[in-house]
């Protein structure tokens, strides 16, 4: 009886172990709701200038930046360890031409290694329109994805997304792909930080509001 029970035990254990080996790891997702200046995504935040938490319709909050000296530095790099990823920002650029033609509103970088960084930026034209600029840099290469013919009106909510997978970076606005290019991503360290509303070295200020930033360790198919 003992040996039969022991055999049954090992049989069950084998099945469980087999299940563990074949279990699929769920993609890691981190959503930052910009509804507070005290912390973002449970991460510490350093405040530059005087960004404000505002109410947005239909319900919710966002952080508003003045385009002069407002920014946030979040002590986190949510794409740490990711071989592919999607970074999506829900935001509302304000009319600010010609004062803020070039605006960097998301920047991931280790402060001690500027050779590896990711930025999501926008450009304004004299028609009260904006177009997006995605940028990635490594020690070996850099890539800019920008198309000034694909414009969008200011003072309206929109989403932009940077997607990376298998040596290709793609850029989306409101779920529609606008650009793509090839570059080999090299991991940005876990010590990296993320700046919002400004480039990390406090220039190229963003004028507008940011509601959410979503990081996913998976290259999402947005179309």
N, C-alpha and C. Protein backbone atom coordinates (compact mmCIF):
# COMPACT_ATOMS: atom_id res chain seq x y z
N UNK A 1 0.83 -1.20 0.00
CA UNK A 1 0.00 0.00 0.00
C UNK A 1 0.87 1.26 0.00
N UNK A 2 1.97 1.19 0.76
CA UNK A 2 2.90 2.32 0.84
C UNK A 2 3.48 2.65 -0.51
N UNK A 3 3.92 1.59 -1.24
CA UNK A 3 4.54 1.82 -2.54
C UNK A 3 3.54 2.34 -3.56
N UNK A 4 2.26 1.87 -3.47
CA UNK A 4 1.24 2.36 -4.38
C UNK A 4 0.97 3.84 -4.13
N UNK A 5 0.93 4.24 -2.84
CA UNK A 5 0.70 5.64 -2.51
C UNK A 5 1.87 6.50 -2.97
N UNK A 6 3.08 5.97 -2.80
CA UNK A 6 4.27 6.70 -3.21
C UNK A 6 4.30 6.89 -4.72
N UNK A 7 3.91 5.85 -5.44
CA UNK A 7 3.87 5.94 -6.90
C UNK A 7 2.86 6.98 -7.36
N UNK A 8 1.69 6.98 -6.69
CA UNK A 8 0.67 7.96 -7.02
C UNK A 8 1.15 9.38 -6.75
N UNK A 9 1.87 9.55 -5.65
CA UNK A 9 2.41 10.85 -5.29
C UNK A 9 3.34 11.38 -6.37
N UNK A 10 4.28 10.52 -6.82
CA UNK A 10 5.24 10.95 -7.83
C UNK A 10 4.55 11.20 -9.17
N UNK A 11 3.51 10.43 -9.47
CA UNK A 11 2.77 10.65 -10.72
C UNK A 11 2.10 12.02 -10.72
N UNK A 12 1.48 12.38 -9.59
CA UNK A 12 0.84 13.70 -9.48
C UNK A 12 1.88 14.81 -9.56
N UNK A 13 3.01 14.59 -8.89
CA UNK A 13 4.08 15.59 -8.90
C UNK A 13 4.60 15.81 -10.31
N UNK A 14 4.73 14.72 -11.09
CA UNK A 14 5.21 14.83 -12.46
C UNK A 14 4.26 15.66 -13.32
N UNK A 15 2.96 15.44 -13.12
CA UNK A 15 1.98 16.20 -13.88
C UNK A 15 2.05 17.68 -13.54
N UNK A 16 2.17 17.96 -12.23
CA UNK A 16 2.25 19.36 -11.81
C UNK A 16 3.49 20.03 -12.36
N UNK A 17 4.62 19.34 -12.33
CA UNK A 17 5.87 19.90 -12.84
C UNK A 17 5.78 20.15 -14.33
N UNK A 18 5.15 19.21 -15.02
CA UNK A 18 4.98 19.37 -16.46
C UNK A 18 4.16 20.61 -16.75
N UNK A 19 3.12 20.83 -15.97
CA UNK A 19 2.29 22.01 -16.14
C UNK A 19 3.06 23.28 -15.89
N UNK A 20 3.98 23.24 -14.91
CA UNK A 20 4.78 24.42 -14.60
C UNK A 20 5.69 24.77 -15.77
N UNK A 21 6.24 23.76 -16.42
CA UNK A 21 7.16 24.01 -17.52
C UNK A 21 6.46 24.61 -18.72
N UNK A 22 5.21 24.23 -18.93
CA UNK A 22 4.52 24.66 -20.13
C UNK A 22 3.65 25.90 -19.90
N UNK A 23 3.57 26.36 -18.65
CA UNK A 23 2.73 27.53 -18.36
C UNK A 23 3.31 28.76 -19.04
N UNK A 24 2.47 29.54 -19.67
CA UNK A 24 2.90 30.74 -20.37
C UNK A 24 2.96 31.91 -19.40
N UNK A 25 4.08 32.64 -19.44
CA UNK A 25 4.24 33.80 -18.59
C UNK A 25 3.40 34.94 -19.16
N UNK A 26 2.58 35.53 -18.35
CA UNK A 26 1.72 36.61 -18.81
C UNK A 26 2.54 37.88 -19.06
N UNK A 27 2.21 38.63 -20.09
CA UNK A 27 2.93 39.87 -20.38
C UNK A 27 2.86 40.83 -19.19
N UNK A 28 3.93 41.54 -18.96
CA UNK A 28 3.97 42.49 -17.86
C UNK A 28 3.47 43.84 -18.34
N UNK A 29 2.50 44.38 -17.67
CA UNK A 29 1.93 45.68 -18.03
C UNK A 29 1.94 46.60 -16.81
N UNK A 30 2.32 47.85 -17.03
CA UNK A 30 2.29 48.84 -15.96
C UNK A 30 1.62 50.10 -16.50
N UNK A 31 0.56 50.53 -15.82
CA UNK A 31 -0.19 51.71 -16.24
C UNK A 31 0.03 52.82 -15.22
N UNK A 32 0.45 53.96 -15.72
CA UNK A 32 0.61 55.13 -14.88
C UNK A 32 -0.59 56.06 -15.10
N UNK A 33 -1.40 56.24 -14.06
CA UNK A 33 -2.48 57.21 -14.10
C UNK A 33 -1.95 58.50 -13.47
N UNK A 34 -1.88 59.54 -14.26
CA UNK A 34 -1.34 60.79 -13.75
C UNK A 34 -2.44 61.58 -13.03
N UNK A 35 -2.73 61.13 -11.83
CA UNK A 35 -3.77 61.77 -11.02
C UNK A 35 -3.22 62.29 -9.69
N UNK A 36 -1.90 62.30 -9.57
CA UNK A 36 -1.27 62.78 -8.34
C UNK A 36 0.16 63.18 -8.64
N UNK A 37 0.68 64.12 -7.87
CA UNK A 37 2.07 64.50 -7.99
C UNK A 37 2.93 63.88 -6.89
N UNK A 38 2.30 63.17 -5.97
CA UNK A 38 3.03 62.56 -4.87
C UNK A 38 3.75 61.30 -5.31
N UNK A 39 3.12 60.52 -6.19
CA UNK A 39 3.75 59.34 -6.75
C UNK A 39 3.03 59.01 -8.05
N UNK A 40 3.74 58.29 -8.93
CA UNK A 40 3.16 57.85 -10.19
C UNK A 40 3.48 56.37 -10.34
N UNK A 41 2.44 55.54 -10.46
CA UNK A 41 2.66 54.10 -10.55
C UNK A 41 3.38 53.55 -9.34
N UNK A 42 3.15 54.15 -8.18
CA UNK A 42 3.82 53.77 -6.92
C UNK A 42 5.31 54.04 -6.95
N UNK A 43 5.76 54.93 -7.81
CA UNK A 43 7.17 55.30 -7.88
C UNK A 43 7.36 56.73 -7.38
N UNK A 44 8.52 56.99 -6.83
CA UNK A 44 8.83 58.34 -6.37
C UNK A 44 8.94 59.30 -7.56
N UNK A 45 8.54 60.53 -7.33
CA UNK A 45 8.53 61.54 -8.38
C UNK A 45 9.25 62.79 -7.90
N UNK A 46 10.12 63.32 -8.77
CA UNK A 46 10.72 64.63 -8.53
C UNK A 46 10.01 65.63 -9.41
N UNK A 47 9.59 66.75 -8.83
CA UNK A 47 8.80 67.74 -9.54
C UNK A 47 9.69 68.90 -9.98
N UNK A 48 9.54 69.29 -11.23
CA UNK A 48 10.22 70.46 -11.78
C UNK A 48 9.17 71.50 -12.10
N UNK A 49 9.38 72.73 -11.66
CA UNK A 49 8.40 73.76 -11.92
C UNK A 49 7.13 73.56 -11.12
N UNK A 50 5.98 73.77 -11.79
CA UNK A 50 4.70 73.72 -11.08
C UNK A 50 3.62 73.03 -11.91
N UNK A 51 3.83 71.76 -12.30
CA UNK A 51 2.76 71.05 -13.01
C UNK A 51 1.55 70.89 -12.10
N UNK A 52 0.37 70.80 -12.70
CA UNK A 52 -0.86 70.77 -11.93
C UNK A 52 -1.71 69.55 -12.27
N UNK A 53 -2.38 69.00 -11.27
CA UNK A 53 -3.37 67.96 -11.50
C UNK A 53 -4.69 68.64 -11.85
N UNK A 54 -5.29 68.24 -12.98
CA UNK A 54 -6.54 68.85 -13.43
C UNK A 54 -7.60 67.77 -13.63
N UNK A 55 -8.84 68.18 -13.60
CA UNK A 55 -9.95 67.28 -13.92
C UNK A 55 -10.17 67.26 -15.42
N UNK A 56 -10.44 66.07 -15.97
CA UNK A 56 -10.70 65.94 -17.40
C UNK A 56 -12.01 65.19 -17.60
N UNK A 57 -12.66 65.48 -18.69
CA UNK A 57 -13.93 64.82 -19.02
C UNK A 57 -13.68 63.53 -19.80
N UNK A 58 -14.58 62.54 -19.67
CA UNK A 58 -15.83 62.59 -18.90
C UNK A 58 -15.62 62.47 -17.40
N UNK A 59 -14.57 61.76 -17.00
CA UNK A 59 -14.27 61.66 -15.57
C UNK A 59 -12.83 61.20 -15.43
N UNK A 60 -12.13 61.84 -14.54
CA UNK A 60 -10.75 61.46 -14.33
C UNK A 60 -9.86 62.67 -14.11
N UNK A 61 -8.56 62.41 -14.11
CA UNK A 61 -7.60 63.48 -13.87
C UNK A 61 -6.42 63.34 -14.85
N UNK A 62 -5.65 64.40 -14.92
CA UNK A 62 -4.45 64.42 -15.75
C UNK A 62 -3.50 65.43 -15.13
N UNK A 63 -2.25 65.42 -15.59
CA UNK A 63 -1.28 66.42 -15.16
C UNK A 63 -1.06 67.39 -16.31
N UNK A 64 -1.13 68.67 -15.99
CA UNK A 64 -0.98 69.73 -16.99
C UNK A 64 0.39 70.38 -16.85
N UNK A 65 1.04 70.59 -18.00
CA UNK A 65 2.38 71.19 -18.05
C UNK A 65 2.30 72.51 -18.81
N UNK A 66 3.06 73.51 -18.35
CA UNK A 66 2.91 74.86 -18.90
C UNK A 66 3.78 75.16 -20.11
N UNK A 67 4.66 74.25 -20.50
CA UNK A 67 5.51 74.48 -21.66
C UNK A 67 6.67 75.41 -21.41
N UNK A 68 6.88 75.79 -20.15
CA UNK A 68 7.95 76.72 -19.81
C UNK A 68 8.99 76.05 -18.92
N UNK A 69 8.54 75.50 -17.79
CA UNK A 69 9.49 74.89 -16.87
C UNK A 69 8.86 73.78 -16.04
N UNK A 70 7.77 73.17 -16.53
CA UNK A 70 7.10 72.09 -15.79
C UNK A 70 7.55 70.72 -16.29
N UNK A 71 7.83 69.84 -15.33
CA UNK A 71 8.19 68.48 -15.69
C UNK A 71 8.14 67.55 -14.49
N UNK A 72 8.15 66.26 -14.76
CA UNK A 72 8.18 65.23 -13.72
C UNK A 72 9.28 64.23 -14.04
N UNK A 73 10.01 63.81 -13.03
CA UNK A 73 11.03 62.78 -13.19
C UNK A 73 10.63 61.60 -12.31
N UNK A 74 10.25 60.49 -12.96
CA UNK A 74 9.77 59.31 -12.26
C UNK A 74 10.93 58.34 -12.07
N UNK A 75 11.10 57.87 -10.85
CA UNK A 75 12.23 56.99 -10.52
C UNK A 75 11.90 55.55 -10.92
N UNK A 76 11.80 55.30 -12.24
CA UNK A 76 11.45 53.95 -12.71
C UNK A 76 11.72 53.83 -14.20
N UNK A 77 12.02 52.62 -14.61
CA UNK A 77 12.12 52.24 -16.02
C UNK A 77 11.26 51.00 -16.23
N UNK A 78 9.98 51.16 -16.57
CA UNK A 78 9.07 50.02 -16.64
C UNK A 78 9.36 49.03 -17.76
N UNK A 79 10.25 49.34 -18.72
CA UNK A 79 10.56 48.37 -19.76
C UNK A 79 11.83 47.57 -19.44
N UNK A 80 12.29 47.67 -18.19
CA UNK A 80 13.45 46.87 -17.78
C UNK A 80 13.20 45.39 -18.05
N UNK A 81 14.14 44.74 -18.73
CA UNK A 81 14.06 43.31 -18.98
C UNK A 81 13.22 42.93 -20.18
N UNK A 82 12.59 43.88 -20.82
CA UNK A 82 11.72 43.56 -21.96
C UNK A 82 12.54 43.44 -23.24
N UNK A 83 12.28 42.40 -24.02
CA UNK A 83 12.90 42.24 -25.33
C UNK A 83 12.03 42.85 -26.42
N UNK A 84 10.75 42.98 -26.15
CA UNK A 84 9.83 43.71 -27.00
C UNK A 84 8.89 44.48 -26.09
N UNK A 85 8.33 45.58 -26.60
CA UNK A 85 7.52 46.41 -25.70
C UNK A 85 6.64 47.37 -26.49
N UNK A 86 5.65 47.91 -25.78
CA UNK A 86 4.79 48.98 -26.28
C UNK A 86 4.72 50.06 -25.21
N UNK A 87 4.94 51.30 -25.61
CA UNK A 87 4.79 52.46 -24.73
C UNK A 87 3.71 53.35 -25.32
N UNK A 88 2.63 53.56 -24.57
CA UNK A 88 1.50 54.32 -25.10
C UNK A 88 1.18 55.48 -24.16
N UNK A 89 0.94 56.65 -24.74
CA UNK A 89 0.67 57.86 -23.96
C UNK A 89 -0.66 58.46 -24.42
N UNK A 90 -1.55 58.72 -23.45
CA UNK A 90 -2.78 59.46 -23.72
C UNK A 90 -2.54 60.90 -23.30
N UNK A 91 -2.62 61.83 -24.24
CA UNK A 91 -2.22 63.20 -23.95
C UNK A 91 -3.02 64.20 -24.79
N UNK A 92 -2.88 65.47 -24.42
CA UNK A 92 -3.57 66.55 -25.13
C UNK A 92 -2.60 67.71 -25.30
N UNK A 93 -2.04 67.86 -26.50
CA UNK A 93 -1.14 69.00 -26.74
C UNK A 93 -1.95 70.30 -26.88
N UNK A 94 -1.45 71.35 -26.26
CA UNK A 94 -2.11 72.64 -26.37
C UNK A 94 -1.49 73.45 -27.52
N UNK A 95 -2.25 74.42 -28.00
CA UNK A 95 -1.71 75.33 -29.00
C UNK A 95 -0.55 76.13 -28.37
N UNK A 96 0.63 76.06 -28.98
CA UNK A 96 1.77 76.80 -28.42
C UNK A 96 2.81 77.12 -29.49
N UNK A 97 2.37 77.26 -30.71
CA UNK A 97 3.27 77.68 -31.79
C UNK A 97 3.36 79.21 -31.78
N UNK A 98 4.55 79.80 -31.92
CA UNK A 98 5.84 79.17 -32.21
C UNK A 98 6.72 78.97 -30.98
N UNK A 99 6.19 79.19 -29.79
CA UNK A 99 7.03 79.11 -28.58
C UNK A 99 7.55 77.69 -28.34
N UNK A 100 6.73 76.68 -28.63
CA UNK A 100 7.09 75.30 -28.30
C UNK A 100 7.00 74.41 -29.55
N UNK A 101 7.81 74.69 -30.53
CA UNK A 101 7.76 73.92 -31.79
C UNK A 101 8.20 72.49 -31.56
N UNK A 102 9.27 72.28 -30.79
CA UNK A 102 9.79 70.94 -30.51
C UNK A 102 9.57 70.63 -29.03
N UNK A 103 8.85 69.53 -28.77
CA UNK A 103 8.51 69.19 -27.39
C UNK A 103 8.80 67.71 -27.12
N UNK A 104 9.58 67.45 -26.08
CA UNK A 104 9.86 66.08 -25.64
C UNK A 104 9.00 65.82 -24.40
N UNK A 105 8.05 64.89 -24.52
CA UNK A 105 7.16 64.70 -23.37
C UNK A 105 7.32 63.35 -22.70
N UNK A 106 8.15 62.44 -23.24
CA UNK A 106 8.51 61.21 -22.54
C UNK A 106 9.94 60.85 -22.90
N UNK A 107 10.74 60.58 -21.89
CA UNK A 107 12.17 60.32 -22.10
C UNK A 107 12.62 59.27 -21.08
N UNK A 108 13.11 58.13 -21.58
CA UNK A 108 13.63 57.06 -20.71
C UNK A 108 15.14 56.98 -20.92
N UNK A 109 15.88 57.07 -19.81
CA UNK A 109 17.35 57.03 -19.90
C UNK A 109 17.95 56.85 -18.53
N UNK A 110 19.05 56.13 -18.49
CA UNK A 110 19.89 56.11 -17.30
C UNK A 110 20.66 57.43 -17.28
N UNK A 111 20.53 58.23 -16.23
CA UNK A 111 21.25 59.51 -16.20
C UNK A 111 22.75 59.37 -16.38
N UNK A 112 23.29 58.18 -16.13
CA UNK A 112 24.73 57.97 -16.26
C UNK A 112 25.12 57.37 -17.61
N UNK A 113 24.14 57.16 -18.51
CA UNK A 113 24.45 56.59 -19.82
C UNK A 113 23.51 57.16 -20.86
N UNK A 114 23.90 58.28 -21.46
CA UNK A 114 23.05 58.92 -22.45
C UNK A 114 23.09 58.23 -23.80
N UNK A 115 23.93 57.21 -23.95
CA UNK A 115 24.04 56.51 -25.22
C UNK A 115 22.85 55.60 -25.50
N UNK A 116 22.07 55.28 -24.47
CA UNK A 116 20.88 54.46 -24.66
C UNK A 116 19.68 55.23 -24.12
N UNK A 117 18.78 55.58 -25.03
CA UNK A 117 17.61 56.34 -24.59
C UNK A 117 16.48 56.20 -25.59
N UNK A 118 15.26 56.45 -25.09
CA UNK A 118 14.05 56.45 -25.90
C UNK A 118 13.29 57.74 -25.60
N UNK A 119 12.82 58.39 -26.65
CA UNK A 119 12.01 59.59 -26.47
C UNK A 119 10.78 59.53 -27.37
N UNK A 120 9.68 60.07 -26.86
CA UNK A 120 8.50 60.34 -27.67
C UNK A 120 8.31 61.85 -27.65
N UNK A 121 8.25 62.44 -28.83
CA UNK A 121 8.24 63.89 -28.96
C UNK A 121 7.12 64.32 -29.91
N UNK A 122 6.92 65.63 -30.01
CA UNK A 122 6.02 66.15 -31.02
C UNK A 122 6.61 67.42 -31.61
N UNK A 123 6.10 67.77 -32.78
CA UNK A 123 6.44 69.02 -33.44
C UNK A 123 5.15 69.76 -33.76
N UNK A 124 5.19 71.08 -33.70
CA UNK A 124 4.05 71.92 -34.04
C UNK A 124 4.32 72.67 -35.33
N UNK A 125 3.24 72.94 -36.09
CA UNK A 125 3.37 73.80 -37.26
C UNK A 125 2.50 75.04 -37.09
N UNK A 126 2.52 75.93 -38.09
CA UNK A 126 1.79 77.19 -37.98
C UNK A 126 0.32 77.07 -38.32
N UNK A 127 -0.18 75.83 -38.45
CA UNK A 127 -1.60 75.58 -38.71
C UNK A 127 -2.31 75.03 -37.47
N UNK A 128 -1.68 75.19 -36.32
CA UNK A 128 -2.22 74.66 -35.07
C UNK A 128 -2.38 73.13 -35.15
N UNK A 129 -1.37 72.49 -35.70
CA UNK A 129 -1.33 71.04 -35.83
C UNK A 129 -0.04 70.51 -35.24
N UNK A 130 -0.06 69.22 -34.87
CA UNK A 130 1.14 68.57 -34.38
C UNK A 130 1.36 67.27 -35.12
N UNK A 131 2.62 66.83 -35.14
CA UNK A 131 2.95 65.51 -35.66
C UNK A 131 4.00 64.89 -34.73
N UNK A 132 4.02 63.57 -34.69
CA UNK A 132 4.78 62.88 -33.66
C UNK A 132 6.20 62.55 -34.15
N UNK A 133 7.10 62.44 -33.20
CA UNK A 133 8.50 62.10 -33.46
C UNK A 133 8.90 61.04 -32.43
N UNK A 134 9.25 59.85 -32.91
CA UNK A 134 9.73 58.76 -32.04
C UNK A 134 11.24 58.64 -32.24
N UNK A 135 11.96 58.43 -31.15
CA UNK A 135 13.42 58.39 -31.23
C UNK A 135 13.98 57.28 -30.34
N UNK A 136 14.93 56.53 -30.89
CA UNK A 136 15.66 55.53 -30.11
C UNK A 136 17.15 55.65 -30.44
N UNK A 137 17.97 55.53 -29.40
CA UNK A 137 19.41 55.61 -29.59
C UNK A 137 20.10 54.51 -28.80
N UNK A 138 21.14 53.93 -29.40
CA UNK A 138 22.05 53.01 -28.71
C UNK A 138 23.48 53.44 -29.04
N UNK A 139 24.45 52.71 -28.49
CA UNK A 139 25.84 53.00 -28.83
C UNK A 139 26.12 52.75 -30.31
N UNK A 140 25.33 51.88 -30.94
CA UNK A 140 25.61 51.46 -32.31
C UNK A 140 24.80 52.18 -33.37
N UNK A 141 23.65 52.75 -33.00
CA UNK A 141 22.76 53.33 -34.01
C UNK A 141 21.75 54.26 -33.36
N UNK A 142 21.07 55.03 -34.19
CA UNK A 142 19.95 55.84 -33.73
C UNK A 142 18.89 55.84 -34.82
N UNK A 143 17.63 56.05 -34.42
CA UNK A 143 16.53 56.03 -35.37
C UNK A 143 15.52 57.10 -35.01
N UNK A 144 15.13 57.89 -36.00
CA UNK A 144 14.08 58.89 -35.85
C UNK A 144 12.93 58.50 -36.76
N UNK A 145 11.73 58.43 -36.19
CA UNK A 145 10.52 58.18 -36.98
C UNK A 145 9.67 59.44 -36.93
N UNK A 146 9.56 60.12 -38.06
CA UNK A 146 8.81 61.38 -38.10
C UNK A 146 8.27 61.58 -39.51
N UNK A 147 7.05 62.07 -39.61
CA UNK A 147 6.44 62.36 -40.91
C UNK A 147 5.60 63.62 -40.75
N UNK A 148 6.09 64.73 -41.26
CA UNK A 148 5.43 66.02 -41.07
C UNK A 148 4.14 66.15 -41.86
N UNK A 149 3.86 65.18 -42.74
CA UNK A 149 2.61 65.24 -43.50
C UNK A 149 1.44 64.61 -42.74
N UNK A 150 1.74 63.89 -41.67
CA UNK A 150 0.69 63.21 -40.90
C UNK A 150 0.43 64.02 -39.63
N UNK A 151 -0.46 64.98 -39.77
CA UNK A 151 -0.69 65.96 -38.71
C UNK A 151 -2.01 65.72 -38.00
N UNK A 152 -2.10 66.32 -36.81
CA UNK A 152 -3.28 66.17 -35.96
C UNK A 152 -3.56 67.49 -35.26
N UNK A 153 -4.83 67.81 -34.97
CA UNK A 153 -5.16 69.11 -34.36
C UNK A 153 -4.75 69.19 -32.90
N UNK A 154 -4.30 70.36 -32.50
CA UNK A 154 -4.01 70.60 -31.09
C UNK A 154 -5.31 70.71 -30.31
N UNK A 155 -5.19 70.73 -29.00
CA UNK A 155 -6.33 70.91 -28.09
C UNK A 155 -7.35 69.79 -28.18
N UNK A 156 -6.90 68.60 -28.58
CA UNK A 156 -7.74 67.41 -28.58
C UNK A 156 -6.96 66.25 -27.97
N UNK A 157 -7.68 65.36 -27.27
CA UNK A 157 -7.03 64.19 -26.70
C UNK A 157 -6.65 63.21 -27.80
N UNK A 158 -5.50 62.58 -27.62
CA UNK A 158 -5.00 61.62 -28.60
C UNK A 158 -4.14 60.59 -27.87
N UNK A 159 -3.82 59.50 -28.56
CA UNK A 159 -2.87 58.52 -28.04
C UNK A 159 -1.75 58.33 -29.05
N UNK A 160 -0.55 58.21 -28.55
CA UNK A 160 0.60 57.87 -29.38
C UNK A 160 1.24 56.61 -28.78
N UNK A 161 1.80 55.78 -29.62
CA UNK A 161 2.39 54.53 -29.13
C UNK A 161 3.65 54.22 -29.90
N UNK A 162 4.69 53.86 -29.16
CA UNK A 162 5.94 53.36 -29.72
C UNK A 162 5.97 51.86 -29.47
N UNK A 163 6.14 51.08 -30.54
CA UNK A 163 6.16 49.62 -30.45
C UNK A 163 7.49 49.12 -30.98
N UNK A 164 8.13 48.21 -30.22
CA UNK A 164 9.40 47.62 -30.67
C UNK A 164 9.31 46.10 -30.63
N UNK A 165 9.78 45.47 -31.70
CA UNK A 165 9.81 44.00 -31.78
C UNK A 165 10.77 43.56 -32.88
N UNK A 166 11.63 42.61 -32.55
CA UNK A 166 12.50 41.95 -33.54
C UNK A 166 13.23 42.93 -34.45
N UNK A 167 13.84 43.93 -33.84
CA UNK A 167 14.67 44.84 -34.62
C UNK A 167 13.91 45.91 -35.38
N UNK A 168 12.62 46.07 -35.11
CA UNK A 168 11.84 47.10 -35.79
C UNK A 168 11.09 47.95 -34.78
N UNK A 169 11.12 49.26 -35.00
CA UNK A 169 10.35 50.20 -34.19
C UNK A 169 9.22 50.76 -35.06
N UNK A 170 8.02 50.82 -34.49
CA UNK A 170 6.86 51.34 -35.21
C UNK A 170 6.22 52.45 -34.38
N UNK A 171 5.64 53.42 -35.07
CA UNK A 171 4.98 54.53 -34.40
C UNK A 171 3.53 54.63 -34.79
N UNK A 172 2.66 54.87 -33.80
CA UNK A 172 1.21 54.92 -34.01
C UNK A 172 0.64 56.20 -33.40
N UNK A 173 -0.41 56.70 -34.04
CA UNK A 173 -1.23 57.78 -33.47
C UNK A 173 -2.68 57.34 -33.54
N UNK A 174 -3.35 57.36 -32.41
CA UNK A 174 -4.75 56.92 -32.33
C UNK A 174 -4.97 55.55 -32.94
N UNK A 175 -4.01 54.64 -32.70
CA UNK A 175 -4.13 53.27 -33.16
C UNK A 175 -3.78 53.03 -34.61
N UNK A 176 -3.38 54.06 -35.33
CA UNK A 176 -3.03 53.93 -36.75
C UNK A 176 -1.52 54.06 -36.92
N UNK A 177 -0.90 53.09 -37.59
CA UNK A 177 0.54 53.15 -37.79
C UNK A 177 0.89 54.26 -38.76
N UNK A 178 1.87 55.09 -38.36
CA UNK A 178 2.31 56.20 -39.21
C UNK A 178 3.75 56.06 -39.66
N UNK A 179 4.53 55.21 -39.01
CA UNK A 179 5.94 55.13 -39.37
C UNK A 179 6.53 53.82 -38.87
N UNK A 180 7.68 53.45 -39.44
CA UNK A 180 8.40 52.25 -39.02
C UNK A 180 9.84 52.34 -39.50
N UNK A 181 10.73 51.70 -38.77
CA UNK A 181 12.14 51.67 -39.16
C UNK A 181 12.87 50.59 -38.38
N UNK A 182 14.07 50.27 -38.85
CA UNK A 182 14.84 49.18 -38.26
C UNK A 182 15.95 49.70 -37.35
N UNK A 183 16.04 49.10 -36.16
CA UNK A 183 17.11 49.39 -35.22
C UNK A 183 17.16 48.26 -34.20
N UNK A 184 18.35 47.91 -33.76
CA UNK A 184 18.50 46.87 -32.73
C UNK A 184 18.48 47.53 -31.36
N UNK A 185 17.42 47.29 -30.61
CA UNK A 185 17.30 47.85 -29.27
C UNK A 185 18.32 47.21 -28.33
N UNK A 186 19.01 48.03 -27.58
CA UNK A 186 19.91 47.56 -26.53
C UNK A 186 19.30 47.97 -25.20
N UNK A 187 19.20 47.05 -24.24
CA UNK A 187 18.47 47.31 -23.00
C UNK A 187 18.96 48.55 -22.26
N UNK A 188 18.00 49.33 -21.80
CA UNK A 188 18.29 50.46 -20.93
C UNK A 188 18.25 49.95 -19.50
N UNK A 189 19.19 50.35 -18.69
CA UNK A 189 19.39 49.75 -17.37
C UNK A 189 18.20 49.94 -16.45
N UNK A 190 18.14 49.08 -15.44
CA UNK A 190 17.07 49.16 -14.45
C UNK A 190 17.19 50.43 -13.60
N UNK A 191 18.34 51.06 -13.62
CA UNK A 191 18.54 52.30 -12.86
C UNK A 191 18.02 53.52 -13.62
N UNK A 192 17.54 53.33 -14.83
CA UNK A 192 17.07 54.45 -15.64
C UNK A 192 15.83 55.09 -15.03
N UNK A 193 15.58 56.31 -15.42
CA UNK A 193 14.41 57.06 -14.97
C UNK A 193 13.58 57.46 -16.19
N UNK A 194 12.39 57.96 -15.93
CA UNK A 194 11.50 58.39 -16.99
C UNK A 194 11.05 59.82 -16.71
N UNK A 195 11.32 60.71 -17.65
CA UNK A 195 10.85 62.09 -17.49
C UNK A 195 9.60 62.30 -18.31
N UNK A 196 8.69 63.10 -17.80
CA UNK A 196 7.43 63.43 -18.45
C UNK A 196 7.32 64.95 -18.52
N UNK A 197 6.88 65.45 -19.67
CA UNK A 197 6.69 66.88 -19.83
C UNK A 197 7.92 67.65 -20.23
N UNK A 198 9.06 66.96 -20.31
CA UNK A 198 10.31 67.61 -20.68
C UNK A 198 11.36 66.56 -20.99
N UNK A 199 12.35 66.96 -21.74
CA UNK A 199 13.53 66.12 -21.88
C UNK A 199 14.20 66.03 -20.51
N UNK A 200 14.93 64.96 -20.28
CA UNK A 200 15.48 64.72 -18.95
C UNK A 200 16.45 65.81 -18.50
N UNK A 201 17.09 66.48 -19.46
CA UNK A 201 18.02 67.55 -19.09
C UNK A 201 17.33 68.92 -19.05
N UNK A 202 16.00 68.89 -18.88
CA UNK A 202 15.20 70.09 -18.61
C UNK A 202 15.25 71.10 -19.77
N UNK A 203 14.82 70.62 -20.92
CA UNK A 203 14.62 71.50 -22.07
C UNK A 203 13.60 70.84 -23.01
N UNK A 204 13.19 71.56 -24.04
CA UNK A 204 12.17 71.08 -24.97
C UNK A 204 10.88 70.75 -24.22
N UNK A 205 10.33 71.74 -23.54
CA UNK A 205 9.20 71.58 -22.64
C UNK A 205 7.91 71.30 -23.39
N UNK A 206 7.04 70.51 -22.78
CA UNK A 206 5.74 70.16 -23.33
C UNK A 206 4.66 71.06 -22.75
N UNK A 207 3.79 71.58 -23.63
CA UNK A 207 2.64 72.36 -23.16
C UNK A 207 1.38 71.57 -23.48
N UNK A 208 0.73 71.10 -22.42
CA UNK A 208 -0.47 70.29 -22.59
C UNK A 208 -0.71 69.45 -21.36
N UNK A 209 -1.46 68.38 -21.52
CA UNK A 209 -1.82 67.50 -20.41
C UNK A 209 -1.54 66.05 -20.79
N UNK A 210 -1.15 65.26 -19.80
CA UNK A 210 -0.94 63.83 -19.96
C UNK A 210 -1.84 63.11 -18.97
N UNK A 211 -2.62 62.16 -19.47
CA UNK A 211 -3.57 61.43 -18.63
C UNK A 211 -3.02 60.10 -18.17
N UNK A 212 -2.51 59.28 -19.09
CA UNK A 212 -1.96 57.97 -18.74
C UNK A 212 -0.73 57.67 -19.59
N UNK A 213 0.13 56.84 -19.01
CA UNK A 213 1.25 56.25 -19.75
C UNK A 213 1.22 54.76 -19.46
N UNK A 214 1.20 53.94 -20.50
CA UNK A 214 1.11 52.49 -20.35
C UNK A 214 2.33 51.82 -20.95
N UNK A 215 2.96 50.94 -20.16
CA UNK A 215 4.12 50.19 -20.60
C UNK A 215 3.74 48.71 -20.64
N UNK A 216 4.00 48.05 -21.74
CA UNK A 216 3.66 46.64 -21.89
C UNK A 216 4.86 45.90 -22.44
N UNK A 217 5.22 44.77 -21.80
CA UNK A 217 6.35 43.96 -22.25
C UNK A 217 5.92 43.04 -23.41
N UNK A 218 5.19 43.62 -24.34
CA UNK A 218 4.72 42.90 -25.50
C UNK A 218 4.50 43.91 -26.62
N UNK A 219 4.85 43.52 -27.84
CA UNK A 219 4.62 44.39 -28.98
C UNK A 219 3.16 44.22 -29.39
N UNK A 220 2.32 45.15 -28.98
CA UNK A 220 0.89 45.02 -29.24
C UNK A 220 0.57 45.31 -30.70
N UNK A 221 -0.41 44.61 -31.23
CA UNK A 221 -0.92 44.87 -32.57
C UNK A 221 -2.05 45.87 -32.45
N UNK A 222 -1.79 47.12 -32.81
CA UNK A 222 -2.73 48.19 -32.57
C UNK A 222 -3.70 48.40 -33.72
N UNK A 223 -3.47 47.74 -34.86
CA UNK A 223 -4.37 47.88 -35.99
C UNK A 223 -5.10 46.59 -36.28
